[in-house]
Amino acid sequence: MLPVSPAHRHRAFRLLLLAASAALVSGCSGATDPRAYNVQGTVTFEGKPVPAGTIQFVPAKGNSGPAGFATIVDGRFDTAAPGGKGTVGGLHQATVNGFDGKANPDKELPVGMPLFQDYQLDLDLPMENTTLEIVAEQRRRATTPKE
C-alpha cells in the first residue's frame, strides 16, 4: 500500500465535501414539485358524507403540471394525507368516485358499491393551499321523448 500524505487526505476530503454539496444542490433528494399545493375538504352525496372514494384533480385547458389526488374517508379528503398528492393551481377538472364503504370481497368490491357515476366538475384552484366543499350530484341520463 502506498503512503498517503496529509495533503492528499485533505484534498480527498475537500473533493468528497464538494461532491456531497453538488448532490444536495442538484436535488437528488427526490423532492416533490415545488408548485404543488394541498387541497383538502369534504364530499357529500344526498346530504351525507361519502363513506369512501377518490378524488382526482387533472390540470385542464392549457394548465400544465402534475395531477393531484386524494382518498375520501368518511366524507373528508386531503391531498397531503398518505397516498395523496397535491396539484398546481389554475384550471382543473375534478373527478369524484364515491362508494358506500361496505366491502364485499365476494364481488371484488373492496370499498363497496358505487353511490353515483363519476362526478366531474371544473375548478379554478388558487395558487395556494385550499379547502373545498363538494356536493356530488347524481346526473340523470338524457332521454329522448317517445313519439
C-alpha atoms as a PDB file:
ATOM      1  CA  MET A   1       0.000   0.000   0.000  1.00  0.00           C
ATOM      2  CA  LEU A   2       1.319   3.438  -0.890  1.00  0.00           C
ATOM      3  CA  PRO A   3       1.725   6.004   1.856  1.00  0.00           C
ATOM      4  CA  VAL A   4      -0.822   8.848   1.744  1.00  0.00           C
ATOM      5  CA  SER A   5       0.372  12.281   2.738  1.00  0.00           C
ATOM      6  CA  PRO A   6      -1.750  14.620   4.896  1.00  0.00           C
ATOM      7  CA  ALA A   7      -2.047  16.975   1.896  1.00  0.00           C
ATOM      8  CA  HIS A   8      -3.585  14.201  -0.213  1.00  0.00           C
ATOM      9  CA  ARG A   9      -6.030  13.292   2.578  1.00  0.00           C
ATOM     10  CA  HIS A  10      -7.095  16.921   2.916  1.00  0.00           C
ATOM     11  CA  ARG A  11      -7.593  17.198  -0.858  1.00  0.00           C
ATOM     12  CA  ALA A  12      -9.642  13.949  -0.940  1.00  0.00           C
ATOM     13  CA  PHE A  13     -11.790  15.188   1.958  1.00  0.00           C
ATOM     14  CA  ARG A  14     -12.458  18.509   0.145  1.00  0.00           C
ATOM     15  CA  LEU A  15     -13.446  16.631  -3.040  1.00  0.00           C
ATOM     16  CA  LEU A  16     -15.832  14.446  -1.018  1.00  0.00           C
ATOM     17  CA  LEU A  17     -17.444  17.539   0.552  1.00  0.00           C
ATOM     18  CA  LEU A  18     -17.711  19.196  -2.863  1.00  0.00           C
ATOM     19  CA  ALA A  19     -19.429  16.111  -4.335  1.00  0.00           C
ATOM     20  CA  ALA A  20     -21.874  15.933  -1.415  1.00  0.00           C
ATOM     21  CA  SER A  21     -22.706  19.636  -1.759  1.00  0.00           C
ATOM     22  CA  ALA A  22     -23.285  19.262  -5.507  1.00  0.00           C
ATOM     23  CA  ALA A  23     -25.652  16.350  -4.901  1.00  0.00           C
ATOM     24  CA  LEU A  24     -27.717  18.389  -2.438  1.00  0.00           C
ATOM     25  CA  VAL A  25     -27.882  21.434  -4.714  1.00  0.00           C
ATOM     26  CA  SER A  26     -28.844  19.377  -7.772  1.00  0.00           C
ATOM     27  CA  GLY A  27     -31.880  17.937  -5.985  1.00  0.00           C
ATOM     28  CA  CYS A  28     -31.026  14.294  -5.510  1.00  0.00           C
ATOM     29  CA  SER A  29     -33.462  14.248  -2.625  1.00  0.00           C
ATOM     30  CA  GLY A  30     -36.461  13.299  -4.812  1.00  0.00           C
ATOM     31  CA  ALA A  31     -38.460  16.301  -3.586  1.00  0.00           C
ATOM     32  CA  THR A  32     -41.990  16.851  -4.829  1.00  0.00           C
ATOM     33  CA  ASP A  33     -42.954  19.516  -7.361  1.00  0.00           C
ATOM     34  CA  PRO A  34     -42.452  22.885  -5.621  1.00  0.00           C
ATOM     35  CA  ARG A  35     -45.569  24.234  -7.369  1.00  0.00           C
ATOM     36  CA  ALA A  36     -47.844  21.663  -5.723  1.00  0.00           C
ATOM     37  CA  TYR A  37     -50.479  22.925  -3.314  1.00  0.00           C
ATOM     38  CA  ASN A  38     -52.532  20.958  -0.803  1.00  0.00           C
ATOM     39  CA  VAL A  39     -56.262  20.594  -1.465  1.00  0.00           C
ATOM     40  CA  GLN A  40     -58.477  19.303   1.339  1.00  0.00           C
ATOM     41  CA  GLY A  41     -62.157  19.309   2.078  1.00  0.00           C
ATOM     42  CA  THR A  42     -65.415  17.409   2.227  1.00  0.00           C
ATOM     43  CA  VAL A  43     -67.569  15.446  -0.215  1.00  0.00           C
ATOM     44  CA  THR A  44     -71.274  14.817   0.362  1.00  0.00           C
ATOM     45  CA  PHE A  45     -73.923  12.960  -1.622  1.00  0.00           C
ATOM     46  CA  GLU A  46     -77.641  13.237  -0.893  1.00  0.00           C
ATOM     47  CA  GLY A  47     -76.838  15.299   2.194  1.00  0.00           C
ATOM     48  CA  LYS A  48     -74.496  12.698   3.756  1.00  0.00           C
ATOM     49  CA  PRO A  49     -70.694  12.359   3.825  1.00  0.00           C
ATOM     50  CA  VAL A  50     -69.381   9.994   1.128  1.00  0.00           C
ATOM     51  CA  PRO A  51     -68.084   6.979   3.128  1.00  0.00           C
ATOM     52  CA  ALA A  52     -65.242   6.013   0.747  1.00  0.00           C
ATOM     53  CA  GLY A  53     -63.846   7.050  -2.591  1.00  0.00           C
ATOM     54  CA  THR A  54     -61.270   9.012  -4.522  1.00  0.00           C
ATOM     55  CA  ILE A  55     -60.899  12.473  -5.994  1.00  0.00           C
ATOM     56  CA  GLN A  56     -58.553  13.440  -8.826  1.00  0.00           C
ATOM     57  CA  PHE A  57     -57.543  16.946  -9.906  1.00  0.00           C
ATOM     58  CA  VAL A  58     -56.346  16.977 -13.533  1.00  0.00           C
ATOM     59  CA  PRO A  59     -54.960  20.232 -14.993  1.00  0.00           C
ATOM     60  CA  ALA A  60     -57.195  21.444 -17.855  1.00  0.00           C
ATOM     61  CA  LYS A  61     -57.347  23.990 -20.689  1.00  0.00           C
ATOM     62  CA  GLY A  62     -53.702  24.908 -21.104  1.00  0.00           C
ATOM     63  CA  ASN A  63     -52.789  24.374 -17.464  1.00  0.00           C
ATOM     64  CA  SER A  64     -49.804  22.093 -17.042  1.00  0.00           C
ATOM     65  CA  GLY A  65     -48.339  20.232 -14.136  1.00  0.00           C
ATOM     66  CA  PRO A  66     -48.919  17.054 -12.234  1.00  0.00           C
ATOM     67  CA  ALA A  67     -52.400  15.817 -11.421  1.00  0.00           C
ATOM     68  CA  GLY A  68     -53.365  15.686  -7.760  1.00  0.00           C
ATOM     69  CA  PHE A  69     -55.373  13.039  -5.962  1.00  0.00           C
ATOM     70  CA  ALA A  70     -56.659  12.009  -2.567  1.00  0.00           C
ATOM     71  CA  THR A  71     -58.656   9.262  -0.886  1.00  0.00           C
ATOM     72  CA  ILE A  72     -62.080  10.071   0.549  1.00  0.00           C
ATOM     73  CA  VAL A  73     -62.699   8.625   4.019  1.00  0.00           C
ATOM     74  CA  ASP A  74     -65.887   9.435   5.923  1.00  0.00           C
ATOM     75  CA  GLY A  75     -66.584  12.401   3.647  1.00  0.00           C
ATOM     76  CA  ARG A  76     -63.142  14.013   4.031  1.00  0.00           C
ATOM     77  CA  PHE A  77     -60.130  14.181   1.729  1.00  0.00           C
ATOM     78  CA  ASP A  78     -56.657  15.716   1.906  1.00  0.00           C
ATOM     79  CA  THR A  79     -54.008  15.584  -0.817  1.00  0.00           C
ATOM     80  CA  ALA A  80     -51.348  15.864   1.916  1.00  0.00           C
ATOM     81  CA  ALA A  81     -52.504  12.624   3.583  1.00  0.00           C
ATOM     82  CA  PRO A  82     -50.566   9.400   2.907  1.00  0.00           C
ATOM     83  CA  GLY A  83     -51.382   8.158  -0.585  1.00  0.00           C
ATOM     84  CA  GLY A  84     -52.360  11.639  -1.789  1.00  0.00           C
ATOM     85  CA  LYS A  85     -50.612  14.190  -3.973  1.00  0.00           C
ATOM     86  CA  GLY A  86     -51.037  17.953  -4.224  1.00  0.00           C
ATOM     87  CA  THR A  87     -51.517  19.768  -7.506  1.00  0.00           C
ATOM     88  CA  VAL A  88     -50.741  23.058  -9.222  1.00  0.00           C
ATOM     89  CA  GLY A  89     -53.180  25.948  -9.098  1.00  0.00           C
ATOM     90  CA  GLY A  90     -55.287  27.011 -12.062  1.00  0.00           C
ATOM     91  CA  LEU A  91     -57.954  25.319 -14.150  1.00  0.00           C
ATOM     92  CA  HIS A  92     -58.653  21.661 -13.313  1.00  0.00           C
ATOM     93  CA  GLN A  93     -61.219  19.004 -13.987  1.00  0.00           C
ATOM     94  CA  ALA A  94     -62.009  17.155 -10.764  1.00  0.00           C
ATOM     95  CA  THR A  95     -63.433  13.639 -10.821  1.00  0.00           C
ATOM     96  CA  VAL A  96     -65.055  12.183  -7.706  1.00  0.00           C
ATOM     97  CA  ASN A  97     -65.739   8.461  -7.259  1.00  0.00           C
ATOM     98  CA  GLY A  98     -67.936   7.647  -4.259  1.00  0.00           C
ATOM     99  CA  PHE A  99     -68.706   4.283  -2.662  1.00  0.00           C
ATOM    100  CA  ASP A 100     -70.855   3.081   0.240  1.00  0.00           C
ATOM    101  CA  GLY A 101     -67.807   1.811   2.178  1.00  0.00           C
ATOM    102  CA  LYS A 102     -69.275  -1.678   2.712  1.00  0.00           C
ATOM    103  CA  ALA A 103     -66.564  -4.018   1.427  1.00  0.00           C
ATOM    104  CA  ASN A 104     -67.768  -7.071  -0.453  1.00  0.00           C
ATOM    105  CA  PRO A 105     -64.783  -9.281  -1.330  1.00  0.00           C
ATOM    106  CA  ASP A 106     -67.067 -11.890  -2.969  1.00  0.00           C
ATOM    107  CA  LYS A 107     -67.993  -9.351  -5.645  1.00  0.00           C
ATOM    108  CA  GLU A 108     -64.489  -7.811  -5.742  1.00  0.00           C
ATOM    109  CA  LEU A 109     -65.738  -4.535  -4.277  1.00  0.00           C
ATOM    110  CA  PRO A 110     -63.127  -3.554  -1.659  1.00  0.00           C
ATOM    111  CA  VAL A 111     -64.783  -0.171  -0.941  1.00  0.00           C
ATOM    112  CA  GLY A 112     -68.373  -1.234  -1.588  1.00  0.00           C
ATOM    113  CA  MET A 113     -70.959  -0.345  -4.180  1.00  0.00           C
ATOM    114  CA  PRO A 114     -70.712   2.880  -6.213  1.00  0.00           C
ATOM    115  CA  LEU A 115     -73.031   5.622  -4.935  1.00  0.00           C
ATOM    116  CA  PHE A 116     -73.043   7.537  -8.233  1.00  0.00           C
ATOM    117  CA  GLN A 117     -71.403   7.643 -11.641  1.00  0.00           C
ATOM    118  CA  ASP A 118     -68.122   9.562 -11.837  1.00  0.00           C
ATOM    119  CA  TYR A 119     -68.979  13.089 -10.738  1.00  0.00           C
ATOM    120  CA  GLN A 120     -66.974  15.699 -12.647  1.00  0.00           C
ATOM    121  CA  LEU A 121     -66.662  19.402 -12.100  1.00  0.00           C
ATOM    122  CA  ASP A 122     -64.474  22.201 -13.408  1.00  0.00           C
ATOM    123  CA  LEU A 123     -62.456  24.096 -10.823  1.00  0.00           C
ATOM    124  CA  ASP A 124     -60.129  27.091 -10.848  1.00  0.00           C
ATOM    125  CA  LEU A 125     -57.843  26.278  -7.920  1.00  0.00           C
ATOM    126  CA  PRO A 126     -55.888  29.107  -6.285  1.00  0.00           C
ATOM    127  CA  MET A 127     -52.091  29.007  -6.249  1.00  0.00           C
ATOM    128  CA  GLU A 128     -52.116  28.262  -2.526  1.00  0.00           C
ATOM    129  CA  ASN A 129     -53.392  25.565  -0.189  1.00  0.00           C
ATOM    130  CA  THR A 130     -57.180  25.471  -0.274  1.00  0.00           C
ATOM    131  CA  THR A 131     -60.265  23.839   1.224  1.00  0.00           C
ATOM    132  CA  LEU A 132     -63.262  22.702  -0.858  1.00  0.00           C
ATOM    133  CA  GLU A 133     -66.799  21.566  -0.101  1.00  0.00           C
ATOM    134  CA  ILE A 134     -68.036  19.301  -2.894  1.00  0.00           C
ATOM    135  CA  VAL A 135     -71.654  18.221  -3.232  1.00  0.00           C
ATOM    136  CA  ALA A 136     -71.761  15.279  -5.647  1.00  0.00           C
ATOM    137  CA  GLU A 137     -74.961  15.001  -7.646  1.00  0.00           C
ATOM    138  CA  GLN A 138     -76.412  12.052  -9.481  1.00  0.00           C
ATOM    139  CA  ARG A 139     -76.588  13.046 -13.095  1.00  0.00           C
ATOM    140  CA  ARG A 140     -79.562  11.675 -14.929  1.00  0.00           C
ATOM    141  CA  ARG A 141     -79.108  10.250 -18.380  1.00  0.00           C
ATOM    142  CA  ALA A 142     -80.729  12.206 -21.138  1.00  0.00           C
ATOM    143  CA  THR A 143     -83.777  10.508 -22.560  1.00  0.00           C
ATOM    144  CA  THR A 144     -85.363  11.039 -25.915  1.00  0.00           C
ATOM    145  CA  PRO A 145     -89.101  11.678 -25.993  1.00  0.00           C
ATOM    146  CA  LYS A 146     -91.185   8.822 -27.333  1.00  0.00           C
ATOM    147  CA  GLU A 147     -93.033   9.688 -30.471  1.00  0.00           C
END
